[in-house]
Amino acid sequence: MSVKKKQGRPKRPRIRLTNRETWLGGRSFEMKKAEEAREASGLDWEYHAAVLLERLPVVVPEPEDWEVAWMDFMSEFRWNCGRQYPAELDIWREDRDAPAPSFREQHEACPIPLAPRVTEADASGDRTTLHRALDRRIFLLERASDAEPWRFVTAAVQRGGSGGGDGGGGETLRAAAERALAAALRPDVPGFKYWHVGNGPAGVDWRIFGEEERAARGAFGEKVFLMRAQIVVGEPAFARRGVQRVWVAKEELAEYFGAERGQYYVKLL
């Protein structure tokens, strides 16, 4: 008599990590090493809340080549194989034997005049206005002078007495982000509205101070928590004059933060 062997559990499928997940996992490992170095130094971090004020896309992105090919195929398929109606009802198509119009031809034959997708700011390279990159998210950066680095609208988190957390009477990240943006914007702009997206950060960046800066500031480094905020309607006006400001897409952030940090923001956002 043969005894059936008990079957074990099926093997779990291997999960293939994306490049984004692998890269962000490496950043987490670097953060762990930075925390170990901070504990060895006996110093704490400085905490900042940086507001990612973004304007969402105004128009849908241009379709990619494979999307156009699929739309052309579906148009031809419906044209040749779709349901056929009586001639008096089939007013949208005059000649059944004519070739199916392509996606581009249908787009160009639209009776509604279409506004240009490329604005004057796109053509001139002007990044100081919201009227650019209409098919992408753009984020606000600022700096006080040419000598200073670019940054998001940022404010230091006001910390409490017992470790700086919320339990010690300190300021939450959301409250610090609200304070930073309220200080940067004029409150009397009619028709302009924005909102803060959630209470938690979209990500965290950090910088370890050098020996001199560490001694002067009494901190090991700074952690910058990235808090999202989105424009709902209208255009902002700013409280401070003389500050340089640009609106850039995430693919352009490397030009302002460097290749490594720019790559981090591209993966994160």
Protein backbone atom coordinates (compact mmCIF):
# COMPACT_ATOMS: atom_id res chain seq x y z
CA MET A 1 0.00 0.00 0.00
CA SER A 2 1.48 3.31 -1.04
CA VAL A 3 1.17 6.28 1.25
CA LYS A 4 0.64 9.66 -0.31
CA LYS A 5 3.30 12.11 0.60
CA LYS A 6 1.96 15.13 2.43
CA GLN A 7 2.28 18.13 0.25
CA GLY A 8 3.99 21.10 1.80
CA ARG A 9 2.94 24.67 1.47
CA PRO A 10 3.31 26.09 -2.00
CA LYS A 11 6.28 28.34 -2.44
CA ARG A 12 5.55 31.98 -2.11
CA PRO A 13 5.99 33.93 -5.31
CA ARG A 14 9.12 36.02 -5.40
CA ILE A 15 8.37 39.71 -5.21
CA ARG A 16 10.41 41.78 -7.57
CA LEU A 17 11.12 45.21 -6.19
CA THR A 18 10.91 48.18 -8.48
CA ASN A 19 13.86 50.52 -8.95
CA ARG A 20 12.03 53.09 -6.86
CA GLU A 21 11.54 50.69 -3.92
CA THR A 22 15.15 49.50 -4.11
CA TRP A 23 16.48 53.05 -4.19
CA LEU A 24 14.30 54.25 -1.31
CA GLY A 25 15.32 51.15 0.66
CA GLY A 26 18.94 52.23 0.26
CA ARG A 27 18.03 55.66 1.62
CA SER A 28 16.46 54.01 4.66
CA PHE A 29 19.71 52.16 5.32
CA GLU A 30 21.65 55.43 5.08
CA MET A 31 19.21 57.00 7.55
CA LYS A 32 19.83 54.15 9.99
CA LYS A 33 23.60 54.72 9.79
CA ALA A 34 23.11 58.46 10.35
CA GLU A 35 21.01 57.73 13.45
CA GLU A 36 23.76 55.50 14.85
CA ALA A 37 26.33 58.25 14.29
CA ARG A 38 24.05 60.80 15.96
CA GLU A 39 23.61 58.62 19.04
CA ALA A 40 27.39 58.24 19.28
CA SER A 41 27.84 62.03 19.13
CA GLY A 42 25.39 62.67 21.98
CA LEU A 43 23.70 65.47 20.01
CA ASP A 44 20.19 65.74 18.61
CA TRP A 45 18.76 66.74 15.25
CA GLU A 46 17.29 70.06 14.27
CA TYR A 47 13.78 69.49 12.90
CA HIS A 48 12.27 71.47 10.03
CA ALA A 49 8.99 71.26 8.12
CA ALA A 50 9.31 71.98 4.38
CA VAL A 51 6.09 72.65 2.48
CA LEU A 52 5.80 71.09 -0.97
CA LEU A 53 3.34 73.64 -2.35
CA GLU A 54 2.28 72.18 -5.68
CA ARG A 55 0.04 73.10 -8.54
CA LEU A 56 -1.64 70.02 -9.97
CA PRO A 57 -1.71 69.38 -13.75
CA VAL A 58 -4.12 71.64 -15.60
CA VAL A 59 -4.41 69.44 -18.70
CA VAL A 60 -3.98 65.72 -19.23
CA PRO A 61 -0.52 64.66 -20.43
CA GLU A 62 0.15 64.08 -24.11
CA PRO A 63 -0.53 60.42 -24.96
CA GLU A 64 2.53 58.28 -25.50
CA ASP A 65 3.21 56.51 -28.79
CA TRP A 66 1.81 53.19 -27.59
CA GLU A 67 -1.39 54.92 -26.44
CA VAL A 68 -1.85 56.58 -29.82
CA ALA A 69 -1.30 53.23 -31.56
CA TRP A 70 -3.91 51.59 -29.31
CA MET A 71 -6.44 54.36 -29.93
CA ASP A 72 -5.90 54.08 -33.69
CA PHE A 73 -6.42 50.33 -33.51
CA MET A 74 -9.63 50.66 -31.46
CA SER A 75 -10.94 53.37 -33.79
CA GLU A 76 -10.38 51.15 -36.82
CA PHE A 77 -11.83 48.13 -35.02
CA ARG A 78 -15.04 49.95 -34.07
CA TRP A 79 -15.26 51.44 -37.57
CA ASN A 80 -15.04 48.10 -39.33
CA CYS A 81 -16.51 45.68 -36.77
CA GLY A 82 -18.85 47.82 -34.72
CA ARG A 83 -22.62 47.57 -34.66
CA GLN A 84 -24.21 48.84 -37.88
CA TYR A 85 -27.28 51.05 -37.59
CA PRO A 86 -29.78 52.13 -40.24
CA ALA A 87 -28.44 54.81 -42.53
CA GLU A 88 -30.87 57.43 -41.21
CA LEU A 89 -29.52 56.91 -37.67
CA ASP A 90 -25.86 56.52 -38.58
CA ILE A 91 -25.36 60.24 -39.09
CA TRP A 92 -21.89 60.34 -37.56
CA ARG A 93 -20.40 58.40 -40.44
CA GLU A 94 -21.22 59.32 -44.01
CA ASP A 95 -19.23 56.68 -45.87
CA ARG A 96 -18.97 53.21 -44.36
CA ASP A 97 -16.33 52.20 -46.86
CA ALA A 98 -14.02 55.11 -46.03
CA PRO A 99 -10.96 54.33 -43.87
CA ALA A 100 -11.28 54.92 -40.16
CA PRO A 101 -9.92 58.30 -39.02
CA SER A 102 -6.83 58.13 -36.83
CA PHE A 103 -6.71 59.48 -33.30
CA ARG A 104 -4.79 62.54 -34.47
CA GLU A 105 -7.29 63.22 -37.26
CA GLN A 106 -10.22 63.01 -34.84
CA HIS A 107 -8.37 65.34 -32.48
CA GLU A 108 -7.69 67.91 -35.22
CA ALA A 109 -11.30 67.74 -36.48
CA CYS A 110 -12.69 68.72 -33.07
CA PRO A 111 -15.21 71.57 -33.56
CA ILE A 112 -14.13 73.24 -30.30
CA PRO A 113 -11.05 75.47 -30.72
CA LEU A 114 -8.28 74.09 -28.52
CA ALA A 115 -5.96 76.28 -26.46
CA PRO A 116 -2.24 75.70 -26.94
CA ARG A 117 -0.63 73.28 -24.50
CA VAL A 118 2.72 75.06 -24.68
CA THR A 119 2.58 78.49 -23.04
CA GLU A 120 4.75 81.56 -23.58
CA ALA A 121 6.57 80.75 -20.34
CA ASP A 122 7.41 77.29 -21.67
CA ALA A 123 8.76 78.78 -24.89
CA SER A 124 10.86 81.42 -23.09
CA GLY A 125 12.02 79.19 -20.23
CA ASP A 126 10.38 81.40 -17.59
CA ARG A 127 9.95 79.38 -14.38
CA THR A 128 8.74 82.20 -12.16
CA THR A 129 5.10 81.77 -13.18
CA LEU A 130 2.42 79.15 -12.65
CA HIS A 131 1.54 79.32 -16.36
CA ARG A 132 4.01 76.65 -17.43
CA ALA A 133 4.27 72.85 -17.62
CA LEU A 134 0.48 72.58 -17.71
CA ASP A 135 0.54 68.78 -17.96
CA ARG A 136 2.75 68.25 -14.89
CA ARG A 137 2.85 68.98 -11.19
CA ILE A 138 5.06 71.94 -10.36
CA PHE A 139 6.49 72.82 -6.94
CA LEU A 140 7.47 76.13 -5.36
CA LEU A 141 11.13 76.79 -4.51
CA GLU A 142 12.59 79.97 -3.05
CA ARG A 143 15.83 81.57 -1.90
CA ALA A 144 16.70 84.97 -0.47
CA SER A 145 19.75 85.63 -2.66
CA ASP A 146 22.09 84.06 -5.20
CA ALA A 147 24.48 83.07 -2.40
CA GLU A 148 21.89 80.88 -0.66
CA PRO A 149 20.72 77.42 -1.74
CA TRP A 150 17.25 76.80 -3.12
CA ARG A 151 14.72 75.27 -0.75
CA PHE A 152 11.04 74.65 -0.24
CA VAL A 153 9.11 76.99 2.06
CA THR A 154 10.54 75.89 5.39
CA ALA A 155 10.16 76.59 9.12
CA ALA A 156 11.87 75.13 12.17
CA VAL A 157 9.63 72.93 14.30
CA GLN A 158 9.10 74.47 17.73
CA ARG A 159 10.03 71.76 20.18
CA GLY A 160 8.73 71.03 23.66
CA GLY A 161 10.67 70.46 26.84
CA SER A 162 10.79 66.66 26.99
CA GLY A 163 12.51 65.51 23.82
CA GLY A 164 10.68 67.81 21.45
CA GLY A 165 7.80 65.50 20.64
CA ASP A 166 4.15 66.40 20.70
CA GLY A 167 3.86 64.86 24.16
CA GLY A 168 6.35 67.41 25.46
CA GLY A 169 4.21 70.34 24.39
CA GLY A 170 6.01 70.86 21.09
CA GLU A 171 4.62 71.79 17.70
CA THR A 172 3.38 69.14 15.30
CA LEU A 173 4.78 68.88 11.79
CA ARG A 174 1.40 69.88 10.35
CA ALA A 175 1.27 73.00 12.55
CA ALA A 176 4.83 73.96 11.57
CA ALA A 177 3.97 73.55 7.87
CA GLU A 178 0.84 75.67 8.25
CA ARG A 179 2.84 78.37 10.03
CA ALA A 180 5.57 78.35 7.37
CA LEU A 181 3.15 78.70 4.46
CA ALA A 182 0.99 81.29 6.22
CA ALA A 183 4.11 83.42 6.78
CA ALA A 184 5.15 83.13 3.13
CA LEU A 185 1.76 83.96 1.55
CA ARG A 186 -0.34 87.09 1.68
CA PRO A 187 -3.71 86.33 3.30
CA ASP A 188 -5.70 88.97 1.40
CA VAL A 189 -5.61 87.43 -2.09
CA PRO A 190 -9.20 87.01 -3.38
CA GLY A 191 -10.03 83.71 -5.00
CA PHE A 192 -6.88 81.90 -3.88
CA LYS A 193 -7.29 78.69 -1.87
CA TYR A 194 -4.96 75.88 -0.89
CA TRP A 195 -5.03 72.95 1.50
CA HIS A 196 -2.53 70.86 3.45
CA VAL A 197 -2.57 67.18 2.46
CA GLY A 198 -2.71 65.12 5.65
CA ASN A 199 -0.86 65.34 8.95
CA GLY A 200 2.10 63.12 8.10
CA PRO A 201 5.10 63.89 5.89
CA ALA A 202 5.50 62.66 2.33
CA GLY A 203 9.14 61.92 3.10
CA VAL A 204 12.16 63.07 5.05
CA ASP A 205 15.51 64.47 4.00
CA TRP A 206 18.51 65.04 6.24
CA ARG A 207 21.90 66.71 6.34
CA ILE A 208 24.76 66.03 8.75
CA PHE A 209 26.59 69.16 9.90
CA GLY A 210 30.34 69.55 9.72
CA GLU A 211 32.36 69.90 12.92
CA GLU A 212 32.31 73.72 12.97
CA GLU A 213 28.61 74.00 12.18
CA ARG A 214 27.85 71.26 14.70
CA ALA A 215 29.64 73.18 17.45
CA ALA A 216 28.01 76.49 16.48
CA ARG A 217 24.46 75.15 16.30
CA GLY A 218 24.65 72.52 19.01
CA ALA A 219 23.06 69.88 16.80
CA PHE A 220 24.28 66.83 14.91
CA GLY A 221 22.41 67.76 11.74
CA GLU A 222 19.00 68.68 10.42
CA LYS A 223 16.02 66.59 9.42
CA VAL A 224 13.62 68.14 6.93
CA PHE A 225 10.13 66.65 6.84
CA LEU A 226 8.39 67.19 3.50
CA MET A 227 4.76 68.22 3.99
CA ARG A 228 2.48 68.38 0.95
CA ALA A 229 0.14 71.28 0.22
CA GLN A 230 -1.84 71.81 -2.98
CA ILE A 231 -3.31 74.83 -4.69
CA VAL A 232 -7.07 74.45 -5.11
CA VAL A 233 -7.84 77.57 -7.12
CA GLY A 234 -6.27 80.91 -7.94
CA GLU A 235 -2.71 82.19 -7.81
CA PRO A 236 -0.74 83.03 -4.66
CA ALA A 237 0.78 86.37 -3.77
CA PHE A 238 3.77 86.44 -1.47
CA ALA A 239 4.37 88.45 1.67
CA ARG A 240 8.12 89.03 1.31
CA ARG A 241 9.66 90.94 -1.56
CA GLY A 242 13.14 90.43 -2.92
CA VAL A 243 12.91 86.64 -2.64
CA GLN A 244 13.66 84.58 -5.74
CA ARG A 245 10.94 82.03 -6.50
CA VAL A 246 10.49 79.41 -9.19
CA TRP A 247 7.87 76.78 -10.02
CA VAL A 248 9.56 73.60 -11.21
CA ALA A 249 8.53 70.05 -12.10
CA LYS A 250 10.04 67.18 -10.14
CA GLU A 251 12.26 66.23 -13.08
CA GLU A 252 13.81 69.72 -12.87
CA LEU A 253 14.58 69.61 -9.13
CA ALA A 254 18.07 68.18 -9.75
CA GLU A 255 19.03 71.53 -11.31
CA TYR A 256 18.38 73.22 -7.95
CA PHE A 257 19.30 70.55 -5.39
CA GLY A 258 22.01 68.58 -7.16
CA ALA A 259 21.90 65.16 -8.78
CA GLU A 260 21.64 63.01 -5.63
CA ARG A 261 18.91 64.96 -3.84
CA GLY A 262 17.14 65.60 -7.13
CA GLN A 263 17.02 61.85 -7.78
CA TYR A 264 15.61 61.33 -4.29
CA TYR A 265 12.80 63.81 -4.92
CA VAL A 266 12.01 62.25 -8.31
CA LYS A 267 11.68 58.82 -6.67
CA LEU A 268 9.73 60.21 -3.72
CA LEU A 269 7.26 62.47 -5.49
